């Protein structure tokens, strides 16, 4: 995370009842959620999912773990990944190829679902965290019902096509405004960054 999670919670009086984390990777941020009872994490890449599950057990946490990608449809899709599991996306690489340590050489099919299909209503979650390599807007489009009761969104954002046809930060900001979620913080590392939105 480019924005410090605990600092955001203090600065904005964030009251987390439950977290939906989309793109859990190998559990890099799982310890930030210590003490949060309701936690569900989605990760489509099996080798990353297994490491995520192992880390959750190692740190004594028992989140709900789901081995799926999220988007705006239910079915299957091809994910493009590097062999180390450093990154993977349902979108083709764009400017991300400028990073010499990332080589996209693997393609495989993963299960895809939607936020609304997986979360349902009512649900105990009010915080959404997304790290899905350019696919954020599609995740949101598949969660129009879920978003009605989300108070906070932390998401990776882009200001150039890091992945081909990925949404720009302006697209995400405009879409989230439809649900009363307003951007209150952002941080950048080149063409990608993180942003934090709070319901007015």
C-alpha atoms as a PDB file:
ATOM      1  CA  UNK A   1       0.000   0.000   0.000  1.00  0.00           C
ATOM      2  CA  UNK A   2       1.326   3.435  -0.944  1.00  0.00           C
ATOM      3  CA  UNK A   3      -0.999   5.066   1.597  1.00  0.00           C
ATOM      4  CA  UNK A   4      -0.463   3.966   5.185  1.00  0.00           C
ATOM      5  CA  UNK A   5      -3.548   1.977   6.180  1.00  0.00           C
ATOM      6  CA  UNK A   6      -3.415   2.675   9.907  1.00  0.00           C
ATOM      7  CA  UNK A   7      -2.710   6.360   9.365  1.00  0.00           C
ATOM      8  CA  UNK A   8      -5.733   6.645   7.060  1.00  0.00           C
ATOM      9  CA  UNK A   9      -7.901   5.005   9.717  1.00  0.00           C
ATOM     10  CA  UNK A  10      -6.815   7.555  12.308  1.00  0.00           C
ATOM     11  CA  UNK A  11      -6.887  10.652  10.084  1.00  0.00           C
ATOM     12  CA  UNK A  12     -10.356   9.956   8.692  1.00  0.00           C
ATOM     13  CA  UNK A  13     -11.945   8.257  11.722  1.00  0.00           C
ATOM     14  CA  UNK A  14     -12.500   5.111   9.682  1.00  0.00           C
ATOM     15  CA  UNK A  15     -14.933   2.729  11.368  1.00  0.00           C
ATOM     16  CA  UNK A  16     -14.424  -0.678   9.755  1.00  0.00           C
ATOM     17  CA  UNK A  17     -17.130  -3.268  10.314  1.00  0.00           C
ATOM     18  CA  UNK A  18     -15.822  -5.707   7.700  1.00  0.00           C
ATOM     19  CA  UNK A  19     -13.401  -5.818   4.765  1.00  0.00           C
ATOM     20  CA  UNK A  20     -13.701  -7.149   1.221  1.00  0.00           C
ATOM     21  CA  UNK A  21     -10.195  -7.458  -0.254  1.00  0.00           C
ATOM     22  CA  UNK A  22     -10.103  -8.161  -3.992  1.00  0.00           C
ATOM     23  CA  UNK A  23      -6.687  -9.271  -5.219  1.00  0.00           C
ATOM     24  CA  UNK A  24      -5.169 -10.673  -2.047  1.00  0.00           C
ATOM     25  CA  UNK A  25      -1.986 -11.917  -3.770  1.00  0.00           C
ATOM     26  CA  UNK A  26       0.101 -13.728  -1.130  1.00  0.00           C
ATOM     27  CA  UNK A  27      -1.303 -11.859   1.857  1.00  0.00           C
ATOM     28  CA  UNK A  28       1.042  -8.872   1.853  1.00  0.00           C
ATOM     29  CA  UNK A  29      -1.509  -6.723   3.708  1.00  0.00           C
ATOM     30  CA  UNK A  30      -3.349  -9.347   5.733  1.00  0.00           C
ATOM     31  CA  UNK A  31      -1.809  -8.305   9.049  1.00  0.00           C
ATOM     32  CA  UNK A  32      -3.243  -4.798   8.592  1.00  0.00           C
ATOM     33  CA  UNK A  33      -6.615  -6.443   9.172  1.00  0.00           C
ATOM     34  CA  UNK A  34      -5.763  -7.926  12.575  1.00  0.00           C
ATOM     35  CA  UNK A  35      -8.717  -7.437  14.900  1.00  0.00           C
ATOM     36  CA  UNK A  36     -11.301  -7.088  12.113  1.00  0.00           C
ATOM     37  CA  UNK A  37     -13.813  -9.892  12.538  1.00  0.00           C
ATOM     38  CA  UNK A  38     -15.405  -9.867   9.089  1.00  0.00           C
ATOM     39  CA  UNK A  39     -12.810 -10.336   6.348  1.00  0.00           C
ATOM     40  CA  UNK A  40     -13.171 -11.934   2.917  1.00  0.00           C
ATOM     41  CA  UNK A  41     -10.275 -12.087   0.447  1.00  0.00           C
ATOM     42  CA  UNK A  42     -10.422 -12.967  -3.261  1.00  0.00           C
ATOM     43  CA  UNK A  43      -7.334 -14.225  -5.140  1.00  0.00           C
ATOM     44  CA  UNK A  44      -7.622 -16.022  -8.515  1.00  0.00           C
ATOM     45  CA  UNK A  45      -4.069 -17.337  -8.985  1.00  0.00           C
ATOM     46  CA  UNK A  46      -3.823 -20.742  -7.302  1.00  0.00           C
ATOM     47  CA  UNK A  47      -0.129 -20.502  -6.394  1.00  0.00           C
ATOM     48  CA  UNK A  48      -0.721 -17.093  -4.776  1.00  0.00           C
ATOM     49  CA  UNK A  49      -3.933 -18.298  -3.124  1.00  0.00           C
ATOM     50  CA  UNK A  50      -2.083 -21.182  -1.459  1.00  0.00           C
ATOM     51  CA  UNK A  51       0.545 -18.801  -0.070  1.00  0.00           C
ATOM     52  CA  UNK A  52      -2.207 -16.446   1.107  1.00  0.00           C
ATOM     53  CA  UNK A  53      -3.933 -19.283   2.965  1.00  0.00           C
ATOM     54  CA  UNK A  54      -0.647 -20.367   4.539  1.00  0.00           C
ATOM     55  CA  UNK A  55       0.136 -16.840   5.714  1.00  0.00           C
ATOM     56  CA  UNK A  56      -3.336 -16.394   7.212  1.00  0.00           C
ATOM     57  CA  UNK A  57      -2.817 -19.567   9.224  1.00  0.00           C
ATOM     58  CA  UNK A  58       0.714 -18.561  10.196  1.00  0.00           C
ATOM     59  CA  UNK A  59      -0.415 -15.218  11.668  1.00  0.00           C
ATOM     60  CA  UNK A  60      -3.424 -16.767  13.395  1.00  0.00           C
ATOM     61  CA  UNK A  61      -6.152 -15.259  11.221  1.00  0.00           C
ATOM     62  CA  UNK A  62      -9.192 -17.024   9.779  1.00  0.00           C
ATOM     63  CA  UNK A  63     -10.595 -14.905   6.945  1.00  0.00           C
ATOM     64  CA  UNK A  64     -12.932 -16.259   4.304  1.00  0.00           C
ATOM     65  CA  UNK A  65     -10.704 -17.005   1.286  1.00  0.00           C
ATOM     66  CA  UNK A  66     -12.109 -17.321  -2.234  1.00  0.00           C
ATOM     67  CA  UNK A  67     -10.026 -18.608  -5.175  1.00  0.00           C
ATOM     68  CA  UNK A  68     -11.705 -16.445  -7.848  1.00  0.00           C
ATOM     69  CA  UNK A  69     -11.242 -13.248  -9.802  1.00  0.00           C
ATOM     70  CA  UNK A  70     -13.961 -10.615  -9.626  1.00  0.00           C
ATOM     71  CA  UNK A  71     -15.328  -8.652 -12.561  1.00  0.00           C
ATOM     72  CA  UNK A  72     -18.655  -7.750 -14.160  1.00  0.00           C
ATOM     73  CA  UNK A  73     -19.684 -11.274 -15.240  1.00  0.00           C
ATOM     74  CA  UNK A  74     -19.785 -14.843 -13.960  1.00  0.00           C
ATOM     75  CA  UNK A  75     -17.727 -17.388 -15.897  1.00  0.00           C
ATOM     76  CA  UNK A  76     -14.076 -17.880 -16.804  1.00  0.00           C
ATOM     77  CA  UNK A  77     -11.354 -15.616 -18.170  1.00  0.00           C
ATOM     78  CA  UNK A  78      -7.699 -15.801 -19.119  1.00  0.00           C
ATOM     79  CA  UNK A  79      -5.231 -14.276 -16.719  1.00  0.00           C
ATOM     80  CA  UNK A  80      -1.786 -13.150 -17.864  1.00  0.00           C
ATOM     81  CA  UNK A  81       0.890 -13.600 -15.223  1.00  0.00           C
ATOM     82  CA  UNK A  82       4.609 -13.575 -14.622  1.00  0.00           C
ATOM     83  CA  UNK A  83       6.107 -16.876 -13.405  1.00  0.00           C
ATOM     84  CA  UNK A  84       7.085 -15.461 -10.006  1.00  0.00           C
ATOM     85  CA  UNK A  85       3.498 -14.508  -9.202  1.00  0.00           C
ATOM     86  CA  UNK A  86       4.625 -10.896  -8.757  1.00  0.00           C
ATOM     87  CA  UNK A  87       1.689  -9.688 -10.814  1.00  0.00           C
ATOM     88  CA  UNK A  88      -1.177 -10.946 -12.928  1.00  0.00           C
ATOM     89  CA  UNK A  89      -4.079  -9.327 -14.758  1.00  0.00           C
ATOM     90  CA  UNK A  90      -7.147 -10.108 -16.821  1.00  0.00           C
ATOM     91  CA  UNK A  91      -5.949  -7.260 -19.066  1.00  0.00           C
ATOM     92  CA  UNK A  92      -3.039  -7.367 -21.503  1.00  0.00           C
ATOM     93  CA  UNK A  93       0.179  -5.672 -20.377  1.00  0.00           C
ATOM     94  CA  UNK A  94       0.622  -2.045 -21.401  1.00  0.00           C
ATOM     95  CA  UNK A  95       3.234   0.247 -19.906  1.00  0.00           C
ATOM     96  CA  UNK A  96       3.883  -2.341 -17.200  1.00  0.00           C
ATOM     97  CA  UNK A  97       6.245  -3.980 -19.696  1.00  0.00           C
ATOM     98  CA  UNK A  98       8.572  -1.054 -18.975  1.00  0.00           C
ATOM     99  CA  UNK A  99       9.352  -2.731 -15.651  1.00  0.00           C
ATOM    100  CA  UNK A 100      12.272  -5.086 -16.446  1.00  0.00           C
ATOM    101  CA  UNK A 101      11.679  -7.366 -13.451  1.00  0.00           C
ATOM    102  CA  UNK A 102       8.198  -8.300 -14.708  1.00  0.00           C
ATOM    103  CA  UNK A 103       7.959 -10.794 -17.586  1.00  0.00           C
ATOM    104  CA  UNK A 104       4.487 -11.929 -18.642  1.00  0.00           C
ATOM    105  CA  UNK A 105       5.049 -15.464 -19.868  1.00  0.00           C
ATOM    106  CA  UNK A 106       2.148 -17.444 -18.410  1.00  0.00           C
ATOM    107  CA  UNK A 107      -1.527 -17.587 -19.359  1.00  0.00           C
ATOM    108  CA  UNK A 108      -4.207 -19.694 -17.716  1.00  0.00           C
ATOM    109  CA  UNK A 109      -7.938 -19.705 -17.090  1.00  0.00           C
ATOM    110  CA  UNK A 110      -9.469 -18.610 -13.790  1.00  0.00           C
ATOM    111  CA  UNK A 111     -12.983 -18.532 -12.396  1.00  0.00           C
ATOM    112  CA  UNK A 112     -14.613 -15.097 -12.439  1.00  0.00           C
ATOM    113  CA  UNK A 113     -17.563 -13.897 -10.406  1.00  0.00           C
ATOM    114  CA  UNK A 114     -19.035 -10.570  -9.292  1.00  0.00           C
ATOM    115  CA  UNK A 115     -19.122  -8.746  -5.993  1.00  0.00           C
ATOM    116  CA  UNK A 116     -22.902  -8.913  -5.940  1.00  0.00           C
ATOM    117  CA  UNK A 117     -22.920 -12.653  -6.649  1.00  0.00           C
ATOM    118  CA  UNK A 118     -20.321 -13.456  -3.992  1.00  0.00           C
ATOM    119  CA  UNK A 119     -21.250 -11.012  -1.244  1.00  0.00           C
ATOM    120  CA  UNK A 120     -25.039 -10.909  -1.385  1.00  0.00           C
ATOM    121  CA  UNK A 121     -27.205  -8.794   0.896  1.00  0.00           C
ATOM    122  CA  UNK A 122     -27.331  -8.131   3.744  1.00  0.00           C
ATOM    123  CA  UNK A 123     -23.612  -8.402   4.444  1.00  0.00           C
ATOM    124  CA  UNK A 124     -21.233  -7.321   7.233  1.00  0.00           C
ATOM    125  CA  UNK A 125     -18.734  -5.415   5.059  1.00  0.00           C
ATOM    126  CA  UNK A 126     -18.285  -1.655   4.678  1.00  0.00           C
ATOM    127  CA  UNK A 127     -14.657  -1.431   3.440  1.00  0.00           C
ATOM    128  CA  UNK A 128     -13.539  -2.474  -0.056  1.00  0.00           C
ATOM    129  CA  UNK A 129      -9.860  -2.848  -0.979  1.00  0.00           C
ATOM    130  CA  UNK A 130      -8.945  -3.557  -4.619  1.00  0.00           C
ATOM    131  CA  UNK A 131      -5.578  -4.439  -6.133  1.00  0.00           C
ATOM    132  CA  UNK A 132      -6.492  -6.032  -9.453  1.00  0.00           C
ATOM    133  CA  UNK A 133      -3.998  -4.620 -11.945  1.00  0.00           C
ATOM    134  CA  UNK A 134      -6.200  -2.302 -13.999  1.00  0.00           C
ATOM    135  CA  UNK A 135      -9.453  -4.263 -13.651  1.00  0.00           C
ATOM    136  CA  UNK A 136     -10.871  -2.144 -10.828  1.00  0.00           C
ATOM    137  CA  UNK A 137     -13.728  -0.565 -12.781  1.00  0.00           C
ATOM    138  CA  UNK A 138     -14.989  -3.979 -13.911  1.00  0.00           C
ATOM    139  CA  UNK A 139     -15.007  -5.150 -10.290  1.00  0.00           C
ATOM    140  CA  UNK A 140     -17.063  -2.095  -9.340  1.00  0.00           C
ATOM    141  CA  UNK A 141     -19.476  -2.623 -12.231  1.00  0.00           C
ATOM    142  CA  UNK A 142     -20.141  -6.107 -10.902  1.00  0.00           C
ATOM    143  CA  UNK A 143     -20.931  -4.734  -7.461  1.00  0.00           C
ATOM    144  CA  UNK A 144     -23.600  -2.064  -7.884  1.00  0.00           C
ATOM    145  CA  UNK A 145     -25.728  -3.520  -5.075  1.00  0.00           C
ATOM    146  CA  UNK A 146     -22.776  -4.180  -2.766  1.00  0.00           C
ATOM    147  CA  UNK A 147     -21.458  -0.634  -3.220  1.00  0.00           C
ATOM    148  CA  UNK A 148     -24.642   0.844  -1.786  1.00  0.00           C
ATOM    149  CA  UNK A 149     -23.504  -0.203   1.684  1.00  0.00           C
ATOM    150  CA  UNK A 150     -19.751   0.362   1.275  1.00  0.00           C
ATOM    151  CA  UNK A 151     -18.428   3.353   3.239  1.00  0.00           C
ATOM    152  CA  UNK A 152     -14.748   3.174   2.234  1.00  0.00           C
ATOM    153  CA  UNK A 153     -12.837   2.153  -0.896  1.00  0.00           C
ATOM    154  CA  UNK A 154      -9.058   1.771  -1.063  1.00  0.00           C
ATOM    155  CA  UNK A 155      -7.918   0.973  -4.585  1.00  0.00           C
ATOM    156  CA  UNK A 156      -4.993   0.859  -6.945  1.00  0.00           C
ATOM    157  CA  UNK A 157      -5.373   3.512  -9.658  1.00  0.00           C
ATOM    158  CA  UNK A 158      -3.728   4.401 -12.971  1.00  0.00           C
ATOM    159  CA  UNK A 159      -3.087   7.606 -14.914  1.00  0.00           C
ATOM    160  CA  UNK A 160      -1.720   5.847 -18.006  1.00  0.00           C
ATOM    161  CA  UNK A 161      -2.365   2.471 -19.671  1.00  0.00           C
ATOM    162  CA  UNK A 162      -0.196   0.379 -17.377  1.00  0.00           C
ATOM    163  CA  UNK A 163      -2.484  -2.391 -18.640  1.00  0.00           C
ATOM    164  CA  UNK A 164      -4.204  -2.077 -22.019  1.00  0.00           C
ATOM    165  CA  UNK A 165      -7.641  -0.469 -21.757  1.00  0.00           C
ATOM    166  CA  UNK A 166      -7.390  -0.177 -17.989  1.00  0.00           C
ATOM    167  CA  UNK A 167      -9.549   2.418 -16.280  1.00  0.00           C
ATOM    168  CA  UNK A 168      -7.969   5.740 -15.362  1.00  0.00           C
ATOM    169  CA  UNK A 169      -8.308   7.297 -11.922  1.00  0.00           C
ATOM    170  CA  UNK A 170     -10.852   9.756 -13.340  1.00  0.00           C
ATOM    171  CA  UNK A 171     -13.066   6.842 -14.437  1.00  0.00           C
ATOM    172  CA  UNK A 172     -13.020   5.255 -10.993  1.00  0.00           C
ATOM    173  CA  UNK A 173     -13.601   8.580  -9.245  1.00  0.00           C
ATOM    174  CA  UNK A 174     -16.598   9.384 -11.450  1.00  0.00           C
ATOM    175  CA  UNK A 175     -18.102   5.916 -10.995  1.00  0.00           C
ATOM    176  CA  UNK A 176     -17.680   5.918  -7.223  1.00  0.00           C
ATOM    177  CA  UNK A 177     -19.288   9.361  -6.972  1.00  0.00           C
ATOM    178  CA  UNK A 178     -22.521   7.684  -8.099  1.00  0.00           C
ATOM    179  CA  UNK A 179     -22.463   5.906  -4.738  1.00  0.00           C
ATOM    180  CA  UNK A 180     -21.526   8.964  -2.696  1.00  0.00           C
ATOM    181  CA  UNK A 181     -17.873   7.922  -2.403  1.00  0.00           C
ATOM    182  CA  UNK A 182     -15.461  10.860  -2.654  1.00  0.00           C
ATOM    183  CA  UNK A 183     -11.670  10.726  -3.077  1.00  0.00           C
ATOM    184  CA  UNK A 184      -9.875  12.034   0.011  1.00  0.00           C
ATOM    185  CA  UNK A 185      -6.300  10.813  -0.549  1.00  0.00           C
ATOM    186  CA  UNK A 186      -3.988   9.545  -3.287  1.00  0.00           C
ATOM    187  CA  UNK A 187      -0.323   8.627  -3.695  1.00  0.00           C
ATOM    188  CA  UNK A 188       1.657   7.821  -6.849  1.00  0.00           C
ATOM    189  CA  UNK A 189       4.554   5.685  -8.000  1.00  0.00           C
ATOM    190  CA  UNK A 190       5.062   6.655 -11.631  1.00  0.00           C
ATOM    191  CA  UNK A 191       1.951   5.893 -13.682  1.00  0.00           C
ATOM    192  CA  UNK A 192       0.169   3.875 -10.987  1.00  0.00           C
ATOM    193  CA  UNK A 193      -0.852   4.693  -7.470  1.00  0.00           C
ATOM    194  CA  UNK A 194      -3.373   4.197  -4.691  1.00  0.00           C
ATOM    195  CA  UNK A 195      -6.454   6.241  -3.823  1.00  0.00           C
ATOM    196  CA  UNK A 196      -8.840   6.297  -0.871  1.00  0.00           C
ATOM    197  CA  UNK A 197     -12.538   7.150  -1.068  1.00  0.00           C
ATOM    198  CA  UNK A 198     -15.024   7.826   1.729  1.00  0.00           C
ATOM    199  CA  UNK A 199     -18.811   7.997   1.596  1.00  0.00           C
ATOM    200  CA  UNK A 200     -20.024  11.534   2.197  1.00  0.00           C
END
